PDB file of N, CA and C in Angstrom:
ATOM      1  N   MET A   1      -1.763 -10.980   3.238  1.00  0.00           N
ATOM      2  CA  MET A   1      -1.780 -10.026   2.588  1.00  0.00           C
ATOM      3  C   MET A   1      -2.714 -10.374   0.562  1.00  0.00           C
ATOM      4  N   GLY A   2      -2.888  -9.151   0.904  1.00  0.00           N
ATOM      5  CA  GLY A   2      -4.113  -9.401  -0.202  1.00  0.00           C
ATOM      6  C   GLY A   2      -3.729  -9.292  -1.321  1.00  0.00           C
ATOM      7  N   PRO A   3      -3.885  -9.019  -2.831  1.00  0.00           N
ATOM      8  CA  PRO A   3      -2.967  -8.985  -4.196  1.00  0.00           C
ATOM      9  C   PRO A   3      -2.951  -7.292  -3.852  1.00  0.00           C
ATOM     10  N   ASP A   4      -3.699  -6.190  -3.253  1.00  0.00           N
ATOM     11  CA  ASP A   4      -3.331  -5.387  -3.953  1.00  0.00           C
ATOM     12  C   ASP A   4      -2.668  -4.643  -1.806  1.00  0.00           C
ATOM     13  N   SER A   5      -2.117  -4.925  -1.631  1.00  0.00           N
ATOM     14  CA  SER A   5      -1.540  -4.469  -0.692  1.00  0.00           C
ATOM     15  C   SER A   5      -0.060  -3.784  -0.278  1.00  0.00           C
ATOM     16  N   LYS A   6       1.007  -3.022  -0.167  1.00  0.00           N
ATOM     17  CA  LYS A   6       1.844  -3.039   0.134  1.00  0.00           C
ATOM     18  C   LYS A   6       2.468  -3.347   1.130  1.00  0.00           C
ATOM     19  N   ILE A   7       4.303  -2.627   1.099  1.00  0.00           N
ATOM     20  CA  ILE A   7       5.238  -2.785   2.555  1.00  0.00           C
ATOM     21  C   ILE A   7       5.308  -1.575   2.753  1.00  0.00           C
ATOM     22  N   VAL A   8       5.715  -0.768   3.528  1.00  0.00           N
ATOM     23  CA  VAL A   8       6.275   0.466   3.107  1.00  0.00           C
ATOM     24  C   VAL A   8       7.667   0.848   3.714  1.00  0.00           C
ATOM     25  N   SER A   9       9.104   1.037   3.910  1.00  0.00           N
ATOM     26  CA  SER A   9       9.948   1.529   4.483  1.00  0.00           C
ATOM     27  C   SER A   9       9.181   2.633   5.398  1.00  0.00           C
ATOM     28  N   LEU A  10       9.140   3.319   6.137  1.00  0.00           N
ATOM     29  CA  LEU A  10       9.120   4.092   7.600  1.00  0.00           C
ATOM     30  C   LEU A  10      10.313   4.433   8.033  1.00  0.00           C
ATOM     31  N   SER A  11      11.194   4.085   7.295  1.00  0.00           N
ATOM     32  CA  SER A  11      13.358   4.836   8.552  1.00  0.00           C
ATOM     33  C   SER A  11      13.182   6.265   7.530  1.00  0.00           C
ATOM     34  N   GLN A  12      13.876   6.818   8.694  1.00  0.00           N
ATOM     35  CA  GLN A  12      14.506   8.169   8.842  1.00  0.00           C
ATOM     36  C   GLN A  12      13.011   9.361   8.155  1.00  0.00           C
ATOM     37  N   VAL A  13      12.371   8.833   8.519  1.00  0.00           N
ATOM     38  CA  VAL A  13      11.169  10.621   8.266  1.00  0.00           C
ATOM     39  C   VAL A  13      11.099  11.155   9.015  1.00  0.00           C
ATOM     40  N   ASP A  14      10.451  12.566   8.408  1.00  0.00           N
ATOM     41  CA  ASP A  14      10.386  13.619   9.782  1.00  0.00           C
ATOM     42  C   ASP A  14       8.557  13.911   9.694  1.00  0.00           C
ATOM     43  N   GLY A  15       9.283  14.902  10.217  1.00  0.00           N
ATOM     44  CA  GLY A  15       7.675  15.012  10.683  1.00  0.00           C
ATOM     45  C   GLY A  15       6.530  14.270  11.250  1.00  0.00           C
ATOM     46  N   ASP A  16       4.789  14.288  11.243  1.00  0.00           N
ATOM     47  CA  ASP A  16       3.950  13.338  11.800  1.00  0.00           C
ATOM     48  C   ASP A  16       4.364  11.691  10.814  1.00  0.00           C
ATOM     49  N   ALA A  17       4.850  11.054  11.928  1.00  0.00           N
ATOM     50  CA  ALA A  17       6.208   9.104  11.469  1.00  0.00           C
ATOM     51  C   ALA A  17       4.175   8.124  10.437  1.00  0.00           C
ATOM     52  N   ILE A  18       3.643   9.098  11.117  1.00  0.00           N
ATOM     53  CA  ILE A  18       2.316   8.621   9.582  1.00  0.00           C
ATOM     54  C   ILE A  18       1.823   9.046  10.373  1.00  0.00           C
ATOM     55  N   ARG A  19       0.726   9.467   8.592  1.00  0.00           N
ATOM     56  CA  ARG A  19      -0.529  10.224   8.663  1.00  0.00           C
ATOM     57  C   ARG A  19      -1.786   9.487   7.514  1.00  0.00           C
ATOM     58  N   LEU A  20      -2.370   9.119   8.808  1.00  0.00           N
ATOM     59  CA  LEU A  20      -3.537   8.387   6.742  1.00  0.00           C
ATOM     60  C   LEU A  20      -5.079   9.193   6.858  1.00  0.00           C
ATOM     61  N   ASN A  21      -5.668  10.558   6.689  1.00  0.00           N
ATOM     62  CA  ASN A  21      -6.301  10.796   6.506  1.00  0.00           C
ATOM     63  C   ASN A  21      -6.981  10.615   4.573  1.00  0.00           C
ATOM     64  N   HIS A  22      -8.193  11.369   4.674  1.00  0.00           N
ATOM     65  CA  HIS A  22      -8.321  11.349   2.833  1.00  0.00           C
ATOM     66  C   HIS A  22      -9.596  10.852   2.708  1.00  0.00           C
ATOM     67  N   TYR A  23     -10.110   9.396   3.728  1.00  0.00           N
ATOM     68  CA  TYR A  23     -10.867   8.026   2.751  1.00  0.00           C
ATOM     69  C   TYR A  23      -9.596   6.669   2.862  1.00  0.00           C
ATOM     70  N   ILE A  24      -8.895   6.564   4.237  1.00  0.00           N
ATOM     71  CA  ILE A  24      -7.986   5.520   4.106  1.00  0.00           C
ATOM     72  C   ILE A  24      -7.991   4.904   4.324  1.00  0.00           C
ATOM     73  N   LYS A  25      -8.523   3.420   4.301  1.00  0.00           N
ATOM     74  CA  LYS A  25      -9.313   2.352   4.717  1.00  0.00           C
ATOM     75  C   LYS A  25      -8.567   1.252   4.817  1.00  0.00           C
ATOM     76  N   ASP A  26      -8.360  -0.343   5.367  1.00  0.00           N
ATOM     77  CA  ASP A  26      -7.899  -1.303   5.195  1.00  0.00           C
ATOM     78  C   ASP A  26      -6.897  -0.925   6.001  1.00  0.00           C
ATOM     79  N   ILE A  27      -5.658  -0.421   6.094  1.00  0.00           N
ATOM     80  CA  ILE A  27      -5.006  -0.935   6.935  1.00  0.00           C
ATOM     81  C   ILE A  27      -3.727  -1.159   8.130  1.00  0.00           C
ATOM     82  N   THR A  28      -3.248  -1.804   8.040  1.00  0.00           N
ATOM     83  CA  THR A  28      -2.616  -2.645   9.454  1.00  0.00           C
ATOM     84  C   THR A  28      -1.038  -1.856   9.566  1.00  0.00           C
ATOM     85  N   ILE A  29      -0.694  -1.038  10.702  1.00  0.00           N
ATOM     86  CA  ILE A  29       0.301  -0.474  11.280  1.00  0.00           C
ATOM     87  C   ILE A  29       0.804  -1.920  12.037  1.00  0.00           C
ATOM     88  N   SER A  30       2.332  -2.097  11.811  1.00  0.00           N
ATOM     89  CA  SER A  30       2.546  -3.128  13.211  1.00  0.00           C
ATOM     90  C   SER A  30       4.146  -2.968  12.433  1.00  0.00           C
ATOM     91  N   ASN A  31       4.601  -4.141  13.749  1.00  0.00           N
ATOM     92  CA  ASN A  31       6.175  -4.009  14.406  1.00  0.00           C
ATOM     93  C   ASN A  31       6.720  -2.761  13.742  1.00  0.00           C
ATOM     94  N   ASN A  32       6.613  -1.579  14.528  1.00  0.00           N
ATOM     95  CA  ASN A  32       7.198  -0.711  14.104  1.00  0.00           C
ATOM     96  C   ASN A  32       7.514  -0.001  15.983  1.00  0.00           C
ATOM     97  N   TRP A  33       8.978   0.350  15.475  1.00  0.00           N
ATOM     98  CA  TRP A  33       9.318   1.229  17.083  1.00  0.00           C
ATOM     99  C   TRP A  33       9.216   2.847  16.523  1.00  0.00           C
ATOM    100  N   PHE A  34       9.482   3.347  17.478  1.00  0.00           N
ATOM    101  CA  PHE A  34       8.617   4.502  16.681  1.00  0.00           C
ATOM    102  C   PHE A  34      10.112   5.758  17.891  1.00  0.00           C
ATOM    103  N   LYS A  35      11.058   6.571  17.564  1.00  0.00           N
ATOM    104  CA  LYS A  35      11.537   7.117  18.580  1.00  0.00           C
ATOM    105  C   LYS A  35      11.836   8.060  17.876  1.00  0.00           C
ATOM    106  N   ASN A  36      12.055   9.272  18.933  1.00  0.00           N
ATOM    107  CA  ASN A  36      12.520  10.216  19.257  1.00  0.00           C
ATOM    108  C   ASN A  36      10.909  11.025  17.670  1.00  0.00           C
ATOM    109  N   GLN A  37       9.814  10.653  18.029  1.00  0.00           N
ATOM    110  CA  GLN A  37       8.900  11.816  16.891  1.00  0.00           C
ATOM    111  C   GLN A  37       8.344  12.800  17.618  1.00  0.00           C
ATOM    112  N   ASP A  38       7.798  14.214  17.683  1.00  0.00           N
ATOM    113  CA  ASP A  38       7.327  14.614  17.906  1.00  0.00           C
ATOM    114  C   ASP A  38       5.627  14.084  17.430  1.00  0.00           C
ATOM    115  N   LYS A  39       4.977  13.671  16.518  1.00  0.00           N
ATOM    116  CA  LYS A  39       4.193  13.567  16.358  1.00  0.00           C
ATOM    117  C   LYS A  39       4.586  11.916  15.630  1.00  0.00           C
ATOM    118  N   ALA A  40       4.038  11.224  16.414  1.00  0.00           N
ATOM    119  CA  ALA A  40       4.161   9.452  15.828  1.00  0.00           C
ATOM    120  C   ALA A  40       3.439   9.460  14.186  1.00  0.00           C
ATOM    121  N   MET A  41       1.779   9.647  14.693  1.00  0.00           N
ATOM    122  CA  MET A  41       0.974   9.062  14.126  1.00  0.00           C
ATOM    123  C   MET A  41       0.014  10.038  14.429  1.00  0.00           C
ATOM    124  N   LEU A  42      -0.576   9.924  13.563  1.00  0.00           N
ATOM    125  CA  LEU A  42      -2.259  10.584  13.536  1.00  0.00           C
ATOM    126  C   LEU A  42      -3.049  10.131  12.066  1.00  0.00           C
ATOM    127  N   LEU A  43      -4.598   9.795  12.559  1.00  0.00           N
ATOM    128  CA  LEU A  43      -5.351   8.742  12.150  1.00  0.00           C
ATOM    129  C   LEU A  43      -6.396  10.441  11.673  1.00  0.00           C
ATOM    130  N   GLY A  44      -6.953  10.013  10.148  1.00  0.00           N
ATOM    131  CA  GLY A  44      -8.296  10.776  10.583  1.00  0.00           C
ATOM    132  C   GLY A  44      -8.356  12.209  10.062  1.00  0.00           C
ATOM    133  N   HIS A  45      -8.749  13.229   9.487  1.00  0.00           N
ATOM    134  CA  HIS A  45      -8.430  14.446   8.650  1.00  0.00           C
ATOM    135  C   HIS A  45      -8.999  15.473   9.698  1.00  0.00           C
ATOM    136  N   ASP A  46     -10.361  14.947  10.218  1.00  0.00           N
ATOM    137  CA  ASP A  46     -11.054  15.616  10.481  1.00  0.00           C
ATOM    138  C   ASP A  46     -12.064  15.215  11.101  1.00  0.00           C
ATOM    139  N   ASP A  47     -12.787  15.747  12.377  1.00  0.00           N
ATOM    140  CA  ASP A  47     -13.634  15.044  13.163  1.00  0.00           C
ATOM    141  C   ASP A  47     -14.888  14.575  12.399  1.00  0.00           C
ATOM    142  N   ARG A  48     -15.570  16.166  11.248  1.00  0.00           N
ATOM    143  CA  ARG A  48     -16.555  16.768  10.082  1.00  0.00           C
ATOM    144  C   ARG A  48     -16.085  16.206   8.702  1.00  0.00           C
ATOM    145  N   TYR A  49     -15.005  15.673   8.636  1.00  0.00           N
ATOM    146  CA  TYR A  49     -14.571  15.301   7.692  1.00  0.00           C
ATOM    147  C   TYR A  49     -15.387  13.243   7.449  1.00  0.00           C
ATOM    148  N   VAL A  50     -16.623  13.212   6.819  1.00  0.00           N
ATOM    149  CA  VAL A  50     -17.365  12.511   6.818  1.00  0.00           C
ATOM    150  C   VAL A  50     -17.200  11.228   6.168  1.00  0.00           C
ATOM    151  N   ARG A  51     -15.628  10.416   4.636  1.00  0.00           N
ATOM    152  CA  ARG A  51     -15.723  10.200   4.692  1.00  0.00           C
ATOM    153  C   ARG A  51     -14.472   9.333   5.639  1.00  0.00           C
ATOM    154  N   ASP A  52     -14.349   9.902   6.460  1.00  0.00           N
ATOM    155  CA  ASP A  52     -12.724   8.814   7.302  1.00  0.00           C
ATOM    156  C   ASP A  52     -14.096   8.435   8.807  1.00  0.00           C
ATOM    157  N   LYS A  53     -14.439   8.498   8.119  1.00  0.00           N
ATOM    158  CA  LYS A  53     -15.802   7.569   9.982  1.00  0.00           C
ATOM    159  C   LYS A  53     -16.217   5.966   9.262  1.00  0.00           C
ATOM    160  N   ASN A  54     -15.296   6.096   8.022  1.00  0.00           N
ATOM    161  CA  ASN A  54     -15.080   4.503   7.473  1.00  0.00           C
ATOM    162  C   ASN A  54     -13.901   4.272   7.361  1.00  0.00           C
ATOM    163  N   MET A  55     -13.084   4.318   8.634  1.00  0.00           N
ATOM    164  CA  MET A  55     -11.582   3.913   8.092  1.00  0.00           C
ATOM    165  C   MET A  55     -11.322   2.962   8.933  1.00  0.00           C
ATOM    166  N   LYS A  56     -10.995   1.890   8.142  1.00  0.00           N
ATOM    167  CA  LYS A  56     -10.257   0.308   8.817  1.00  0.00           C
ATOM    168  C   LYS A  56      -9.062   1.048   9.321  1.00  0.00           C
ATOM    169  N   VAL A  57      -8.639   0.858  10.291  1.00  0.00           N
ATOM    170  CA  VAL A  57      -7.125   0.638  10.631  1.00  0.00           C
ATOM    171  C   VAL A  57      -6.393  -0.393  11.648  1.00  0.00           C
ATOM    172  N   THR A  58      -5.558  -0.629  11.392  1.00  0.00           N
ATOM    173  CA  THR A  58      -5.171  -1.364  13.085  1.00  0.00           C
ATOM    174  C   THR A  58      -3.745  -1.189  13.232  1.00  0.00           C
ATOM    175  N   VAL A  59      -3.781  -1.186  14.352  1.00  0.00           N
ATOM    176  CA  VAL A  59      -2.513  -0.710  14.841  1.00  0.00           C
ATOM    177  C   VAL A  59      -1.451  -2.047  16.084  1.00  0.00           C
ATOM    178  N   MET A  60      -0.598  -2.688  16.281  1.00  0.00           N
ATOM    179  CA  MET A  60      -0.677  -3.433  16.972  1.00  0.00           C
ATOM    180  C   MET A  60       1.081  -4.195  16.608  1.00  0.00           C
ATOM    181  N   TYR A  61       0.764  -5.138  18.282  1.00  0.00           N
ATOM    182  CA  TYR A  61       3.293  -4.776  17.880  1.00  0.00           C
ATOM    183  C   TYR A  61       3.629  -3.500  18.161  1.00  0.00           C
ATOM    184  N   ASN A  62       2.980  -2.453  18.273  1.00  0.00           N
ATOM    185  CA  ASN A  62       4.187  -1.475  18.013  1.00  0.00           C
ATOM    186  C   ASN A  62       4.436  -1.189  19.094  1.00  0.00           C
ATOM    187  N   HIS A  63       6.019  -0.019  19.282  1.00  0.00           N
ATOM    188  CA  HIS A  63       6.643   0.163  20.861  1.00  0.00           C
ATOM    189  C   HIS A  63       6.145   1.465  20.403  1.00  0.00           C
ATOM    190  N   PHE A  64       6.398   1.995  20.926  1.00  0.00           N
ATOM    191  CA  PHE A  64       6.623   3.943  20.826  1.00  0.00           C
ATOM    192  C   PHE A  64       7.191   4.434  22.238  1.00  0.00           C
ATOM    193  N   GLY A  65       8.725   5.369  22.379  1.00  0.00           N
ATOM    194  CA  GLY A  65       9.190   6.125  22.586  1.00  0.00           C
ATOM    195  C   GLY A  65      10.865   5.381  22.969  1.00  0.00           C
ATOM    196  N   PRO A  66      11.765   6.105  22.815  1.00  0.00           N
ATOM    197  CA  PRO A  66      12.057   6.974  24.243  1.00  0.00           C
ATOM    198  C   PRO A  66      11.566   8.377  23.038  1.00  0.00           C
ATOM    199  N   ASN A  67      11.867   9.570  23.731  1.00  0.00           N
ATOM    200  CA  ASN A  67      11.315  10.615  23.023  1.00  0.00           C
ATOM    201  C   ASN A  67       9.519  10.801  22.069  1.00  0.00           C
ATOM    202  N   CYS A  68       8.737  10.407  22.157  1.00  0.00           N
ATOM    203  CA  CYS A  68       7.511  10.427  21.473  1.00  0.00           C
ATOM    204  C   CYS A  68       6.485  11.658  22.207  1.00  0.00           C
ATOM    205  N   ASN A  69       6.311  12.751  21.416  1.00  0.00           N
ATOM    206  CA  ASN A  69       5.905  12.932  22.988  1.00  0.00           C
ATOM    207  C   ASN A  69       3.629  13.703  22.000  1.00  0.00           C
ATOM    208  N   GLN A  70       3.096  13.069  21.017  1.00  0.00           N
ATOM    209  CA  GLN A  70       2.034  13.859  20.838  1.00  0.00           C
ATOM    210  C   GLN A  70       1.373  12.127  20.249  1.00  0.00           C
ATOM    211  N   ARG A  71       0.311  12.020  19.454  1.00  0.00           N
ATOM    212  CA  ARG A  71      -0.320  11.683  18.467  1.00  0.00           C
ATOM    213  C   ARG A  71       0.198  10.199  18.725  1.00  0.00           C
ATOM    214  N   MET A  72      -0.095   9.424  19.798  1.00  0.00           N
ATOM    215  CA  MET A  72       0.215   8.072  19.675  1.00  0.00           C
ATOM    216  C   MET A  72      -1.344   7.787  19.761  1.00  0.00           C
ATOM    217  N   PRO A  73      -1.508   6.078  19.505  1.00  0.00           N
ATOM    218  CA  PRO A  73      -3.044   5.505  20.376  1.00  0.00           C
ATOM    219  C   PRO A  73      -2.534   4.737  21.831  1.00  0.00           C
TER     220      PRO A  73
END
């Protein structure tokens, strides 16, 4: 982890478990278990939002389910 890195807890999340939009870059989402989420993960704001074209997101070692319905990579 770099000097500006942060570890964020995702326990007891309502709504979208993870929503990354509006110029986010250099993010890693790893070692999570997403369960009972209608919308697990949203990456990017809109296809027309130019600044999201340079997003750099790594999604690895995650488990989805049970009861995850949409927005899973």
